[in-house]
PDB file of N, CA and C in Angstrom:
ATOM      1  N   MET A   1       0.812  -1.199   0.000  1.00  0.00           N
ATOM      2  CA  MET A   1       0.000   0.000   0.000  1.00  0.00           C
ATOM      3  C   MET A   1       0.853   1.260   0.000  1.00  0.00           C
ATOM      4  N   GLY A   2       2.082   1.189   0.396  1.00  0.00           N
ATOM      5  CA  GLY A   2       2.939   2.358   0.387  1.00  0.00           C
ATOM      6  C   GLY A   2       2.936   3.140   1.680  1.00  0.00           C
ATOM      7  N   GLY A   3       2.242   2.706   2.685  1.00  0.00           N
ATOM      8  CA  GLY A   3       2.193   3.405   3.957  1.00  0.00           C
ATOM      9  C   GLY A   3       1.905   2.426   5.067  1.00  0.00           C
ATOM     10  N   PRO A   4       1.903   2.913   6.301  1.00  0.00           N
ATOM     11  CA  PRO A   4       1.714   2.000   7.429  1.00  0.00           C
ATOM     12  C   PRO A   4       0.280   1.505   7.556  1.00  0.00           C
ATOM     13  N   VAL A   5       0.159   0.294   8.020  1.00  0.00           N
ATOM     14  CA  VAL A   5      -1.134  -0.248   8.403  1.00  0.00           C
ATOM     15  C   VAL A   5      -1.184  -0.148   9.923  1.00  0.00           C
ATOM     16  N   ILE A   6      -2.225   0.482  10.411  1.00  0.00           N
ATOM     17  CA  ILE A   6      -2.396   0.658  11.848  1.00  0.00           C
ATOM     18  C   ILE A   6      -3.593  -0.172  12.302  1.00  0.00           C
ATOM     19  N   ARG A   7      -3.668  -0.404  13.601  1.00  0.00           N
ATOM     20  CA  ARG A   7      -4.852  -1.060  14.141  1.00  0.00           C
ATOM     21  C   ARG A   7      -5.730   0.025  14.746  1.00  0.00           C
ATOM     22  N   LEU A   8      -6.910   0.166  14.171  1.00  0.00           N
ATOM     23  CA  LEU A   8      -7.902   1.121  14.646  1.00  0.00           C
ATOM     24  C   LEU A   8      -8.925   0.345  15.461  1.00  0.00           C
ATOM     25  N   THR A   9      -9.109   0.745  16.699  1.00  0.00           N
ATOM     26  CA  THR A   9     -10.083   0.076  17.551  1.00  0.00           C
ATOM     27  C   THR A   9     -11.221   1.027  17.843  1.00  0.00           C
ATOM     28  N   THR A  10     -12.395   0.657  17.354  1.00  0.00           N
ATOM     29  CA  THR A  10     -13.598   1.441  17.579  1.00  0.00           C
ATOM     30  C   THR A  10     -14.464   0.724  18.619  1.00  0.00           C
ATOM     31  N   ILE A  11     -15.493   1.416  19.076  1.00  0.00           N
ATOM     32  CA  ILE A  11     -16.481   0.816  19.966  1.00  0.00           C
ATOM     33  C   ILE A  11     -17.722   0.551  19.123  1.00  0.00           C
ATOM     34  N   GLY A  12     -18.187  -0.689  19.119  1.00  0.00           N
ATOM     35  CA  GLY A  12     -19.336  -1.068  18.313  1.00  0.00           C
ATOM     36  C   GLY A  12     -20.545  -0.198  18.600  1.00  0.00           C
ATOM     37  N   ALA A  13     -21.157   0.345  17.552  1.00  0.00           N
ATOM     38  CA  ALA A  13     -22.315   1.224  17.703  1.00  0.00           C
ATOM     39  C   ALA A  13     -23.484   0.512  18.380  1.00  0.00           C
ATOM     40  N   LYS A  14     -23.643  -0.758  18.096  1.00  0.00           N
ATOM     41  CA  LYS A  14     -24.762  -1.520  18.668  1.00  0.00           C
ATOM     42  C   LYS A  14     -24.343  -2.336  19.878  1.00  0.00           C
ATOM     43  N   THR A  15     -23.143  -2.900  19.840  1.00  0.00           N
ATOM     44  CA  THR A  15     -22.718  -3.830  20.891  1.00  0.00           C
ATOM     45  C   THR A  15     -21.998  -3.170  22.060  1.00  0.00           C
ATOM     46  N   GLY A  16     -21.347  -2.029  21.795  1.00  0.00           N
ATOM     47  CA  GLY A  16     -20.543  -1.392  22.829  1.00  0.00           C
ATOM     48  C   GLY A  16     -19.221  -2.096  23.066  1.00  0.00           C
ATOM     49  N   LYS A  17     -18.905  -3.097  22.243  1.00  0.00           N
ATOM     50  CA  LYS A  17     -17.660  -3.855  22.385  1.00  0.00           C
ATOM     51  C   LYS A  17     -16.569  -3.265  21.513  1.00  0.00           C
ATOM     52  N   GLU A  18     -15.317  -3.455  21.936  1.00  0.00           N
ATOM     53  CA  GLU A  18     -14.183  -3.004  21.129  1.00  0.00           C
ATOM     54  C   GLU A  18     -14.108  -3.799  19.839  1.00  0.00           C
ATOM     55  N   ARG A  19     -13.870  -3.095  18.736  1.00  0.00           N
ATOM     56  CA  ARG A  19     -13.794  -3.708  17.413  1.00  0.00           C
ATOM     57  C   ARG A  19     -12.503  -3.261  16.728  1.00  0.00           C
ATOM     58  N   PRO A  20     -11.433  -4.064  16.815  1.00  0.00           N
ATOM     59  CA  PRO A  20     -10.180  -3.698  16.144  1.00  0.00           C
ATOM     60  C   PRO A  20     -10.221  -4.061  14.661  1.00  0.00           C
ATOM     61  N   VAL A  21      -9.609  -3.217  13.840  1.00  0.00           N
ATOM     62  CA  VAL A  21      -9.551  -3.470  12.402  1.00  0.00           C
ATOM     63  C   VAL A  21      -8.251  -2.859  11.859  1.00  0.00           C
ATOM     64  N   PRO A  22      -7.559  -3.574  10.963  1.00  0.00           N
ATOM     65  CA  PRO A  22      -6.369  -2.983  10.341  1.00  0.00           C
ATOM     66  C   PRO A  22      -6.801  -2.031   9.225  1.00  0.00           C
ATOM     67  N   VAL A  23      -6.207  -0.837   9.195  1.00  0.00           N
ATOM     68  CA  VAL A  23      -6.496   0.157   8.156  1.00  0.00           C
ATOM     69  C   VAL A  23      -5.204   0.861   7.753  1.00  0.00           C
ATOM     70  N   PHE A  24      -5.206   1.389   6.547  1.00  0.00           N
ATOM     71  CA  PHE A  24      -4.090   2.213   6.080  1.00  0.00           C
ATOM     72  C   PHE A  24      -4.133   3.520   6.854  1.00  0.00           C
ATOM     73  N   GLY A  25      -2.996   3.934   7.393  1.00  0.00           N
ATOM     74  CA  GLY A  25      -2.943   5.181   8.154  1.00  0.00           C
ATOM     75  C   GLY A  25      -1.886   6.123   7.619  1.00  0.00           C
ATOM     76  N   LEU A  26      -2.261   7.367   7.442  1.00  0.00           N
ATOM     77  CA  LEU A  26      -1.330   8.417   7.033  1.00  0.00           C
ATOM     78  C   LEU A  26      -0.995   9.230   8.269  1.00  0.00           C
ATOM     79  N   ARG A  27       0.272   9.300   8.595  1.00  0.00           N
ATOM     80  CA  ARG A  27       0.722  10.068   9.763  1.00  0.00           C
ATOM     81  C   ARG A  27       0.799  11.538   9.372  1.00  0.00           C
ATOM     82  N   ASP A  28       0.254  12.399  10.220  1.00  0.00           N
ATOM     83  CA  ASP A  28       0.320  13.843  10.017  1.00  0.00           C
ATOM     84  C   ASP A  28       0.598  14.492  11.369  1.00  0.00           C
ATOM     85  N   GLY A  29       1.877  14.636  11.678  1.00  0.00           N
ATOM     86  CA  GLY A  29       2.262  15.150  12.988  1.00  0.00           C
ATOM     87  C   GLY A  29       1.850  14.184  14.074  1.00  0.00           C
ATOM     88  N   ASP A  30       1.035  14.662  15.028  1.00  0.00           N
ATOM     89  CA  ASP A  30       0.565  13.772  16.094  1.00  0.00           C
ATOM     90  C   ASP A  30      -0.794  13.151  15.762  1.00  0.00           C
ATOM     91  N   ARG A  31      -1.266  13.384  14.551  1.00  0.00           N
ATOM     92  CA  ARG A  31      -2.549  12.832  14.115  1.00  0.00           C
ATOM     93  C   ARG A  31      -2.345  11.696  13.131  1.00  0.00           C
ATOM     94  N   TRP A  32      -3.408  10.896  12.975  1.00  0.00           N
ATOM     95  CA  TRP A  32      -3.489   9.874  11.943  1.00  0.00           C
ATOM     96  C   TRP A  32      -4.678  10.201  11.056  1.00  0.00           C
ATOM     97  N   VAL A  33      -4.552   9.868   9.778  1.00  0.00           N
ATOM     98  CA  VAL A  33      -5.647  10.063   8.837  1.00  0.00           C
ATOM     99  C   VAL A  33      -5.944   8.713   8.204  1.00  0.00           C
ATOM    100  N   VAL A  34      -7.221   8.332   8.188  1.00  0.00           N
ATOM    101  CA  VAL A  34      -7.652   7.075   7.591  1.00  0.00           C
ATOM    102  C   VAL A  34      -8.800   7.361   6.622  1.00  0.00           C
ATOM    103  N   ILE A  35      -8.962   6.477   5.649  1.00  0.00           N
ATOM    104  CA  ILE A  35     -10.059   6.638   4.692  1.00  0.00           C
ATOM    105  C   ILE A  35     -10.992   5.444   4.794  1.00  0.00           C
ATOM    106  N   ALA A  36     -12.268   5.722   4.697  1.00  0.00           N
ATOM    107  CA  ALA A  36     -13.283   4.664   4.797  1.00  0.00           C
ATOM    108  C   ALA A  36     -13.647   4.190   3.389  1.00  0.00           C
ATOM    109  N   SER A  37     -12.640   3.681   2.677  1.00  0.00           N
ATOM    110  CA  SER A  37     -12.841   3.285   1.278  1.00  0.00           C
ATOM    111  C   SER A  37     -13.623   1.986   1.148  1.00  0.00           C
ATOM    112  N   ASN A  38     -13.459   1.094   2.113  1.00  0.00           N
ATOM    113  CA  ASN A  38     -14.113  -0.215   2.081  1.00  0.00           C
ATOM    114  C   ASN A  38     -13.834  -0.927   0.756  1.00  0.00           C
ATOM    115  N   TRP A  39     -12.607  -0.766   0.270  1.00  0.00           N
ATOM    116  CA  TRP A  39     -12.153  -1.401  -0.963  1.00  0.00           C
ATOM    117  C   TRP A  39     -12.991  -0.976  -2.177  1.00  0.00           C
ATOM    118  N   GLY A  40     -13.674   0.169  -2.069  1.00  0.00           N
ATOM    119  CA  GLY A  40     -14.470   0.664  -3.177  1.00  0.00           C
ATOM    120  C   GLY A  40     -15.894   0.145  -3.206  1.00  0.00           C
ATOM    121  N   ARG A  41     -16.310  -0.532  -2.164  1.00  0.00           N
ATOM    122  CA  ARG A  41     -17.698  -1.015  -2.126  1.00  0.00           C
ATOM    123  C   ARG A  41     -18.648   0.177  -2.015  1.00  0.00           C
ATOM    124  N   GLU A  42     -19.919  -0.067  -2.298  1.00  0.00           N
ATOM    125  CA  GLU A  42     -20.894   1.018  -2.291  1.00  0.00           C
ATOM    126  C   GLU A  42     -21.346   1.435  -0.900  1.00  0.00           C
ATOM    127  N   ALA A  43     -20.979   0.693   0.128  1.00  0.00           N
ATOM    128  CA  ALA A  43     -21.352   1.019   1.507  1.00  0.00           C
ATOM    129  C   ALA A  43     -20.100   1.353   2.322  1.00  0.00           C
ATOM    130  N   HIS A  44     -20.283   2.213   3.305  1.00  0.00           N
ATOM    131  CA  HIS A  44     -19.183   2.527   4.214  1.00  0.00           C
ATOM    132  C   HIS A  44     -18.826   1.286   5.035  1.00  0.00           C
ATOM    133  N   PRO A  45     -17.566   1.167   5.466  1.00  0.00           N
ATOM    134  CA  PRO A  45     -17.192   0.030   6.313  1.00  0.00           C
ATOM    135  C   PRO A  45     -17.831   0.155   7.702  1.00  0.00           C
ATOM    136  N   ALA A  46     -17.983  -0.976   8.367  1.00  0.00           N
ATOM    137  CA  ALA A  46     -18.611  -0.993   9.694  1.00  0.00           C
ATOM    138  C   ALA A  46     -17.857  -0.100  10.676  1.00  0.00           C
ATOM    139  N   TRP A  47     -16.524  -0.088  10.597  1.00  0.00           N
ATOM    140  CA  TRP A  47     -15.766   0.716  11.555  1.00  0.00           C
ATOM    141  C   TRP A  47     -16.105   2.203  11.437  1.00  0.00           C
ATOM    142  N   TYR A  48     -16.458   2.659  10.241  1.00  0.00           N
ATOM    143  CA  TYR A  48     -16.824   4.068  10.049  1.00  0.00           C
ATOM    144  C   TYR A  48     -18.118   4.374  10.810  1.00  0.00           C
ATOM    145  N   HIS A  49     -19.097   3.488  10.711  1.00  0.00           N
ATOM    146  CA  HIS A  49     -20.362   3.684  11.439  1.00  0.00           C
ATOM    147  C   HIS A  49     -20.114   3.662  12.943  1.00  0.00           C
ATOM    148  N   ASN A  50     -19.204   2.799  13.379  1.00  0.00           N
ATOM    149  CA  ASN A  50     -18.869   2.737  14.801  1.00  0.00           C
ATOM    150  C   ASN A  50     -18.275   4.050  15.293  1.00  0.00           C
ATOM    151  N   LEU A  51     -17.337   4.607  14.558  1.00  0.00           N
ATOM    152  CA  LEU A  51     -16.701   5.833  15.054  1.00  0.00           C
ATOM    153  C   LEU A  51     -17.602   7.049  14.909  1.00  0.00           C
ATOM    154  N   LYS A  52     -18.570   7.000  13.996  1.00  0.00           N
ATOM    155  CA  LYS A  52     -19.552   8.088  13.928  1.00  0.00           C
ATOM    156  C   LYS A  52     -20.423   8.071  15.187  1.00  0.00           C
ATOM    157  N   ALA A  53     -20.742   6.872  15.680  1.00  0.00           N
ATOM    158  CA  ALA A  53     -21.544   6.745  16.900  1.00  0.00           C
ATOM    159  C   ALA A  53     -20.699   7.009  18.147  1.00  0.00           C
ATOM    160  N   ASN A  54     -19.430   6.609  18.108  1.00  0.00           N
ATOM    161  CA  ASN A  54     -18.510   6.744  19.252  1.00  0.00           C
ATOM    162  C   ASN A  54     -17.157   7.214  18.725  1.00  0.00           C
ATOM    163  N   PRO A  55     -16.914   8.521  18.666  1.00  0.00           N
ATOM    164  CA  PRO A  55     -15.682   9.021  18.047  1.00  0.00           C
ATOM    165  C   PRO A  55     -14.399   8.774  18.838  1.00  0.00           C
ATOM    166  N   GLU A  56     -14.514   8.277  20.062  1.00  0.00           N
ATOM    167  CA  GLU A  56     -13.309   7.959  20.827  1.00  0.00           C
ATOM    168  C   GLU A  56     -12.795   6.604  20.363  1.00  0.00           C
ATOM    169  N   VAL A  57     -11.556   6.575  19.864  1.00  0.00           N
ATOM    170  CA  VAL A  57     -10.967   5.362  19.305  1.00  0.00           C
ATOM    171  C   VAL A  57      -9.568   5.162  19.874  1.00  0.00           C
ATOM    172  N   LYS A  58      -9.008   3.984  19.595  1.00  0.00           N
ATOM    173  CA  LYS A  58      -7.613   3.692  19.923  1.00  0.00           C
ATOM    174  C   LYS A  58      -6.881   3.413  18.619  1.00  0.00           C
ATOM    175  N   VAL A  59      -5.636   3.829  18.572  1.00  0.00           N
ATOM    176  CA  VAL A  59      -4.773   3.534  17.431  1.00  0.00           C
ATOM    177  C   VAL A  59      -3.528   2.846  17.960  1.00  0.00           C
ATOM    178  N   THR A  60      -3.191   1.718  17.329  1.00  0.00           N
ATOM    179  CA  THR A  60      -1.958   1.024  17.657  1.00  0.00           C
ATOM    180  C   THR A  60      -1.069   1.072  16.426  1.00  0.00           C
ATOM    181  N   ALA A  61       0.117   1.620  16.608  1.00  0.00           N
ATOM    182  CA  ALA A  61       1.091   1.733  15.517  1.00  0.00           C
ATOM    183  C   ALA A  61       2.483   1.646  16.123  1.00  0.00           C
ATOM    184  N   GLY A  62       3.333   0.899  15.462  1.00  0.00           N
ATOM    185  CA  GLY A  62       4.707   0.778  15.952  1.00  0.00           C
ATOM    186  C   GLY A  62       4.794   0.254  17.370  1.00  0.00           C
ATOM    187  N   GLY A  63       3.854  -0.609  17.757  1.00  0.00           N
ATOM    188  CA  GLY A  63       3.892  -1.200  19.090  1.00  0.00           C
ATOM    189  C   GLY A  63       3.347  -0.310  20.193  1.00  0.00           C
ATOM    190  N   GLN A  64       2.878   0.885  19.851  1.00  0.00           N
ATOM    191  CA  GLN A  64       2.332   1.786  20.863  1.00  0.00           C
ATOM    192  C   GLN A  64       0.861   2.056  20.578  1.00  0.00           C
ATOM    193  N   THR A  65       0.080   2.140  21.645  1.00  0.00           N
ATOM    194  CA  THR A  65      -1.349   2.408  21.532  1.00  0.00           C
ATOM    195  C   THR A  65      -1.662   3.742  22.188  1.00  0.00           C
ATOM    196  N   GLY A  66      -2.487   4.534  21.506  1.00  0.00           N
ATOM    197  CA  GLY A  66      -2.920   5.818  22.051  1.00  0.00           C
ATOM    198  C   GLY A  66      -4.406   6.010  21.839  1.00  0.00           C
ATOM    199  N   GLU A  67      -4.966   6.939  22.596  1.00  0.00           N
ATOM    200  CA  GLU A  67      -6.380   7.255  22.479  1.00  0.00           C
ATOM    201  C   GLU A  67      -6.539   8.507  21.622  1.00  0.00           C
ATOM    202  N   TYR A  68      -7.518   8.440  20.724  1.00  0.00           N
ATOM    203  CA  TYR A  68      -7.744   9.504  19.754  1.00  0.00           C
ATOM    204  C   TYR A  68      -9.224   9.817  19.650  1.00  0.00           C
ATOM    205  N   VAL A  69      -9.503  10.984  19.081  1.00  0.00           N
ATOM    206  CA  VAL A  69     -10.878  11.385  18.796  1.00  0.00           C
ATOM    207  C   VAL A  69     -10.982  11.583  17.289  1.00  0.00           C
ATOM    208  N   ALA A  70     -12.012  10.972  16.704  1.00  0.00           N
ATOM    209  CA  ALA A  70     -12.199  10.988  15.253  1.00  0.00           C
ATOM    210  C   ALA A  70     -13.125  12.127  14.839  1.00  0.00           C
ATOM    211  N   ARG A  71     -12.805  12.719  13.689  1.00  0.00           N
ATOM    212  CA  ARG A  71     -13.687  13.694  13.046  1.00  0.00           C
ATOM    213  C   ARG A  71     -13.489  13.553  11.548  1.00  0.00           C
ATOM    214  N   GLU A  72     -14.511  13.871  10.798  1.00  0.00           N
ATOM    215  CA  GLU A  72     -14.439  13.748   9.351  1.00  0.00           C
ATOM    216  C   GLU A  72     -13.863  15.023   8.745  1.00  0.00           C
ATOM    217  N   ALA A  73     -12.896  14.867   7.857  1.00  0.00           N
ATOM    218  CA  ALA A  73     -12.323  16.008   7.147  1.00  0.00           C
ATOM    219  C   ALA A  73     -13.283  16.429   6.035  1.00  0.00           C
ATOM    220  N   THR A  74     -13.348  17.721   5.789  1.00  0.00           N
ATOM    221  CA  THR A  74     -14.211  18.257   4.737  1.00  0.00           C
ATOM    222  C   THR A  74     -13.443  19.288   3.919  1.00  0.00           C
ATOM    223  N   GLY A  75     -14.015  19.680   2.796  1.00  0.00           N
ATOM    224  CA  GLY A  75     -13.478  20.769   1.990  1.00  0.00           C
ATOM    225  C   GLY A  75     -12.045  20.569   1.553  1.00  0.00           C
ATOM    226  N   ASP A  76     -11.266  21.649   1.653  1.00  0.00           N
ATOM    227  CA  ASP A  76      -9.867  21.632   1.220  1.00  0.00           C
ATOM    228  C   ASP A  76      -9.036  20.637   2.009  1.00  0.00           C
ATOM    229  N   GLU A  77      -9.319  20.515   3.300  1.00  0.00           N
ATOM    230  CA  GLU A  77      -8.564  19.566   4.132  1.00  0.00           C
ATOM    231  C   GLU A  77      -8.760  18.151   3.596  1.00  0.00           C
ATOM    232  N   ARG A  78      -9.993  17.790   3.281  1.00  0.00           N
ATOM    233  CA  ARG A  78     -10.292  16.463   2.745  1.00  0.00           C
ATOM    234  C   ARG A  78      -9.537  16.235   1.443  1.00  0.00           C
ATOM    235  N   GLU A  79      -9.584  17.197   0.545  1.00  0.00           N
ATOM    236  CA  GLU A  79      -8.915  17.063  -0.752  1.00  0.00           C
ATOM    237  C   GLU A  79      -7.405  16.933  -0.591  1.00  0.00           C
ATOM    238  N   GLU A  80      -6.836  17.704   0.317  1.00  0.00           N
ATOM    239  CA  GLU A  80      -5.389  17.627   0.561  1.00  0.00           C
ATOM    240  C   GLU A  80      -4.994  16.230   1.044  1.00  0.00           C
ATOM    241  N   TYR A  81      -5.749  15.699   1.995  1.00  0.00           N
ATOM    242  CA  TYR A  81      -5.438  14.361   2.496  1.00  0.00           C
ATOM    243  C   TYR A  81      -5.651  13.304   1.424  1.00  0.00           C
ATOM    244  N   LEU A  82      -6.715  13.417   0.645  1.00  0.00           N
ATOM    245  CA  LEU A  82      -6.946  12.446  -0.436  1.00  0.00           C
ATOM    246  C   LEU A  82      -5.777  12.445  -1.421  1.00  0.00           C
ATOM    247  N   ASN A  83      -5.275  13.616  -1.757  1.00  0.00           N
ATOM    248  CA  ASN A  83      -4.130  13.707  -2.671  1.00  0.00           C
ATOM    249  C   ASN A  83      -2.891  13.052  -2.079  1.00  0.00           C
ATOM    250  N   ARG A  84      -2.636  13.295  -0.800  1.00  0.00           N
ATOM    251  CA  ARG A  84      -1.474  12.690  -0.144  1.00  0.00           C
ATOM    252  C   ARG A  84      -1.605  11.175  -0.081  1.00  0.00           C
ATOM    253  N   ILE A  85      -2.806  10.695   0.231  1.00  0.00           N
ATOM    254  CA  ILE A  85      -3.031   9.257   0.324  1.00  0.00           C
ATOM    255  C   ILE A  85      -2.913   8.612  -1.049  1.00  0.00           C
ATOM    256  N   ALA A  86      -3.429   9.268  -2.074  1.00  0.00           N
ATOM    257  CA  ALA A  86      -3.361   8.724  -3.439  1.00  0.00           C
ATOM    258  C   ALA A  86      -1.916   8.543  -3.897  1.00  0.00           C
ATOM    259  N   GLN A  87      -1.011   9.395  -3.437  1.00  0.00           N
ATOM    260  CA  GLN A  87       0.404   9.260  -3.794  1.00  0.00           C
ATOM    261  C   GLN A  87       0.999   7.994  -3.183  1.00  0.00           C
ATOM    262  N   LEU A  88       0.516   7.616  -2.003  1.00  0.00           N
ATOM    263  CA  LEU A  88       1.021   6.426  -1.324  1.00  0.00           C
ATOM    264  C   LEU A  88       0.259   5.165  -1.703  1.00  0.00           C
ATOM    265  N   ASN A  89      -0.996   5.331  -2.094  1.00  0.00           N
ATOM    266  CA  ASN A  89      -1.865   4.196  -2.384  1.00  0.00           C
ATOM    267  C   ASN A  89      -2.540   4.406  -3.739  1.00  0.00           C
ATOM    268  N   PRO A  90      -1.895   3.971  -4.823  1.00  0.00           N
ATOM    269  CA  PRO A  90      -2.467   4.164  -6.157  1.00  0.00           C
ATOM    270  C   PRO A  90      -3.822   3.501  -6.350  1.00  0.00           C
ATOM    271  N   GLY A  91      -4.186   2.545  -5.512  1.00  0.00           N
ATOM    272  CA  GLY A  91      -5.480   1.881  -5.610  1.00  0.00           C
ATOM    273  C   GLY A  91      -6.651   2.773  -5.227  1.00  0.00           C
ATOM    274  N   LEU A  92      -6.371   3.916  -4.607  1.00  0.00           N
ATOM    275  CA  LEU A  92      -7.442   4.804  -4.170  1.00  0.00           C
ATOM    276  C   LEU A  92      -8.323   5.250  -5.338  1.00  0.00           C
ATOM    277  N   GLU A  93      -7.724   5.530  -6.472  1.00  0.00           N
ATOM    278  CA  GLU A  93      -8.503   5.959  -7.631  1.00  0.00           C
ATOM    279  C   GLU A  93      -9.496   4.874  -8.048  1.00  0.00           C
ATOM    280  N   THR A  94      -9.060   3.623  -8.029  1.00  0.00           N
ATOM    281  CA  THR A  94      -9.950   2.504  -8.361  1.00  0.00           C
ATOM    282  C   THR A  94     -11.076   2.402  -7.345  1.00  0.00           C
ATOM    283  N   TYR A  95     -10.751   2.577  -6.054  1.00  0.00           N
ATOM    284  CA  TYR A  95     -11.773   2.520  -5.016  1.00  0.00           C
ATOM    285  C   TYR A  95     -12.830   3.596  -5.243  1.00  0.00           C
ATOM    286  N   GLN A  96     -12.375   4.808  -5.607  1.00  0.00           N
ATOM    287  CA  GLN A  96     -13.310   5.904  -5.823  1.00  0.00           C
ATOM    288  C   GLN A  96     -14.244   5.609  -6.990  1.00  0.00           C
ATOM    289  N   LYS A  97     -13.712   5.026  -8.053  1.00  0.00           N
ATOM    290  CA  LYS A  97     -14.545   4.690  -9.210  1.00  0.00           C
ATOM    291  C   LYS A  97     -15.546   3.596  -8.856  1.00  0.00           C
ATOM    292  N   ARG A  98     -15.079   2.582  -8.134  1.00  0.00           N
ATOM    293  CA  ARG A  98     -15.919   1.443  -7.767  1.00  0.00           C
ATOM    294  C   ARG A  98     -17.045   1.821  -6.812  1.00  0.00           C
ATOM    295  N   SER A  99     -16.820   2.827  -5.991  1.00  0.00           N
ATOM    296  CA  SER A  99     -17.781   3.167  -4.943  1.00  0.00           C
ATOM    297  C   SER A  99     -19.022   3.877  -5.475  1.00  0.00           C
ATOM    298  N   GLY A 100     -19.040   4.164  -6.763  1.00  0.00           N
ATOM    299  CA  GLY A 100     -20.217   4.794  -7.359  1.00  0.00           C
ATOM    300  C   GLY A 100     -20.414   6.205  -6.853  1.00  0.00           C
ATOM    301  N   GLU A 101     -21.613   6.492  -6.402  1.00  0.00           N
ATOM    302  CA  GLU A 101     -21.956   7.836  -5.930  1.00  0.00           C
ATOM    303  C   GLU A 101     -21.482   8.114  -4.504  1.00  0.00           C
ATOM    304  N   ARG A 102     -20.986   7.095  -3.820  1.00  0.00           N
ATOM    305  CA  ARG A 102     -20.572   7.265  -2.422  1.00  0.00           C
ATOM    306  C   ARG A 102     -19.305   8.098  -2.337  1.00  0.00           C
ATOM    307  N   SER A 103     -19.346   9.111  -1.528  1.00  0.00           N
ATOM    308  CA  SER A 103     -18.154   9.902  -1.249  1.00  0.00           C
ATOM    309  C   SER A 103     -17.366   9.179  -0.165  1.00  0.00           C
ATOM    310  N   ILE A 104     -16.113   8.872  -0.445  1.00  0.00           N
ATOM    311  CA  ILE A 104     -15.290   8.135   0.518  1.00  0.00           C
ATOM    312  C   ILE A 104     -14.872   9.078   1.649  1.00  0.00           C
ATOM    313  N   PRO A 105     -15.283   8.774   2.879  1.00  0.00           N
ATOM    314  CA  PRO A 105     -14.930   9.630   4.007  1.00  0.00           C
ATOM    315  C   PRO A 105     -13.434   9.594   4.326  1.00  0.00           C
ATOM    316  N   VAL A 106     -12.926  10.755   4.677  1.00  0.00           N
ATOM    317  CA  VAL A 106     -11.560  10.907   5.165  1.00  0.00           C
ATOM    318  C   VAL A 106     -11.694  11.286   6.636  1.00  0.00           C
ATOM    319  N   VAL A 107     -11.074  10.498   7.503  1.00  0.00           N
ATOM    320  CA  VAL A 107     -11.242  10.675   8.938  1.00  0.00           C
ATOM    321  C   VAL A 107      -9.907  11.061   9.569  1.00  0.00           C
ATOM    322  N   VAL A 108      -9.929  12.135  10.339  1.00  0.00           N
ATOM    323  CA  VAL A 108      -8.748  12.612  11.056  1.00  0.00           C
ATOM    324  C   VAL A 108      -8.867  12.152  12.500  1.00  0.00           C
ATOM    325  N   LEU A 109      -7.818  11.511  12.977  1.00  0.00           N
ATOM    326  CA  LEU A 109      -7.762  11.018  14.355  1.00  0.00           C
ATOM    327  C   LEU A 109      -6.768  11.874  15.126  1.00  0.00           C
ATOM    328  N   SER A 110      -7.275  12.686  16.037  1.00  0.00           N
ATOM    329  CA  SER A 110      -6.429  13.577  16.839  1.00  0.00           C
ATOM    330  C   SER A 110      -6.271  13.003  18.236  1.00  0.00           C
ATOM    331  N   PRO A 111      -5.086  13.166  18.824  1.00  0.00           N
ATOM    332  CA  PRO A 111      -4.882  12.623  20.173  1.00  0.00           C
ATOM    333  C   PRO A 111      -5.901  13.188  21.152  1.00  0.00           C
ATOM    334  N   SER A 112      -6.416  12.319  22.004  1.00  0.00           N
ATOM    335  CA  SER A 112      -7.308  12.799  23.069  1.00  0.00           C
ATOM    336  C   SER A 112      -6.458  13.540  24.078  1.00  0.00           C
ATOM    337  N   GLU A 113      -7.099  14.245  24.981  1.00  0.00           N
ATOM    338  CA  GLU A 113      -6.361  14.989  25.998  1.00  0.00           C
ATOM    339  C   GLU A 113      -5.416  14.093  26.774  1.00  0.00           C
ATOM    340  N   GLU A 114      -5.897  12.888  27.117  1.00  0.00           N
ATOM    341  CA  GLU A 114      -5.083  11.955  27.889  1.00  0.00           C
ATOM    342  C   GLU A 114      -3.839  11.549  27.116  1.00  0.00           C
ATOM    343  N   THR A 115      -3.995  11.239  25.826  1.00  0.00           N
ATOM    344  CA  THR A 115      -2.855  10.845  25.002  1.00  0.00           C
ATOM    345  C   THR A 115      -1.894  12.017  24.850  1.00  0.00           C
ATOM    346  N   ALA A 116      -2.433  13.220  24.639  1.00  0.00           N
ATOM    347  CA  ALA A 116      -1.588  14.392  24.438  1.00  0.00           C
ATOM    348  C   ALA A 116      -0.757  14.678  25.700  1.00  0.00           C
ATOM    349  N   VAL A 117      -1.308  14.463  26.887  1.00  0.00           N
ATOM    350  CA  VAL A 117      -0.597  14.699  28.121  1.00  0.00           C
ATOM    351  C   VAL A 117       0.388  13.582  28.407  1.00  0.00           C
ATOM    352  N   ASP A 118      -0.055  12.323  28.223  1.00  0.00           N
ATOM    353  CA  ASP A 118       0.787  11.178  28.554  1.00  0.00           C
ATOM    354  C   ASP A 118       1.746  10.780  27.450  1.00  0.00           C
ATOM    355  N   GLY A 119       1.373  11.051  26.198  1.00  0.00           N
ATOM    356  CA  GLY A 119       2.112  10.499  25.078  1.00  0.00           C
ATOM    357  C   GLY A 119       3.160  11.355  24.558  1.00  0.00           C
TER     358      GLY A 119
END
């Protein structure tokens, strides 16, 4: 893929249980950026629905785990991240075509207060 795969752990929207999933992660300073491409399917991945319901997530990368808060990037920020990700992951263009009318969400994961203080 050209970039790191991180473990994103969300809280299940219906179950309340932790749901870990490997995703491509773009490092941006102390933040991570992930895309909900779902391999270009017409529906968003389950983890995206989970973090929309519960934006507090965990990220494990390089053997370290931190707590983050998720928000969706929009406008110019979204386009900038999509361009950066496309440079690392040429498959993104195929995913966008395959997804039909679905706009692929770009999610920014910022350190929670606890992570920012402890990490």
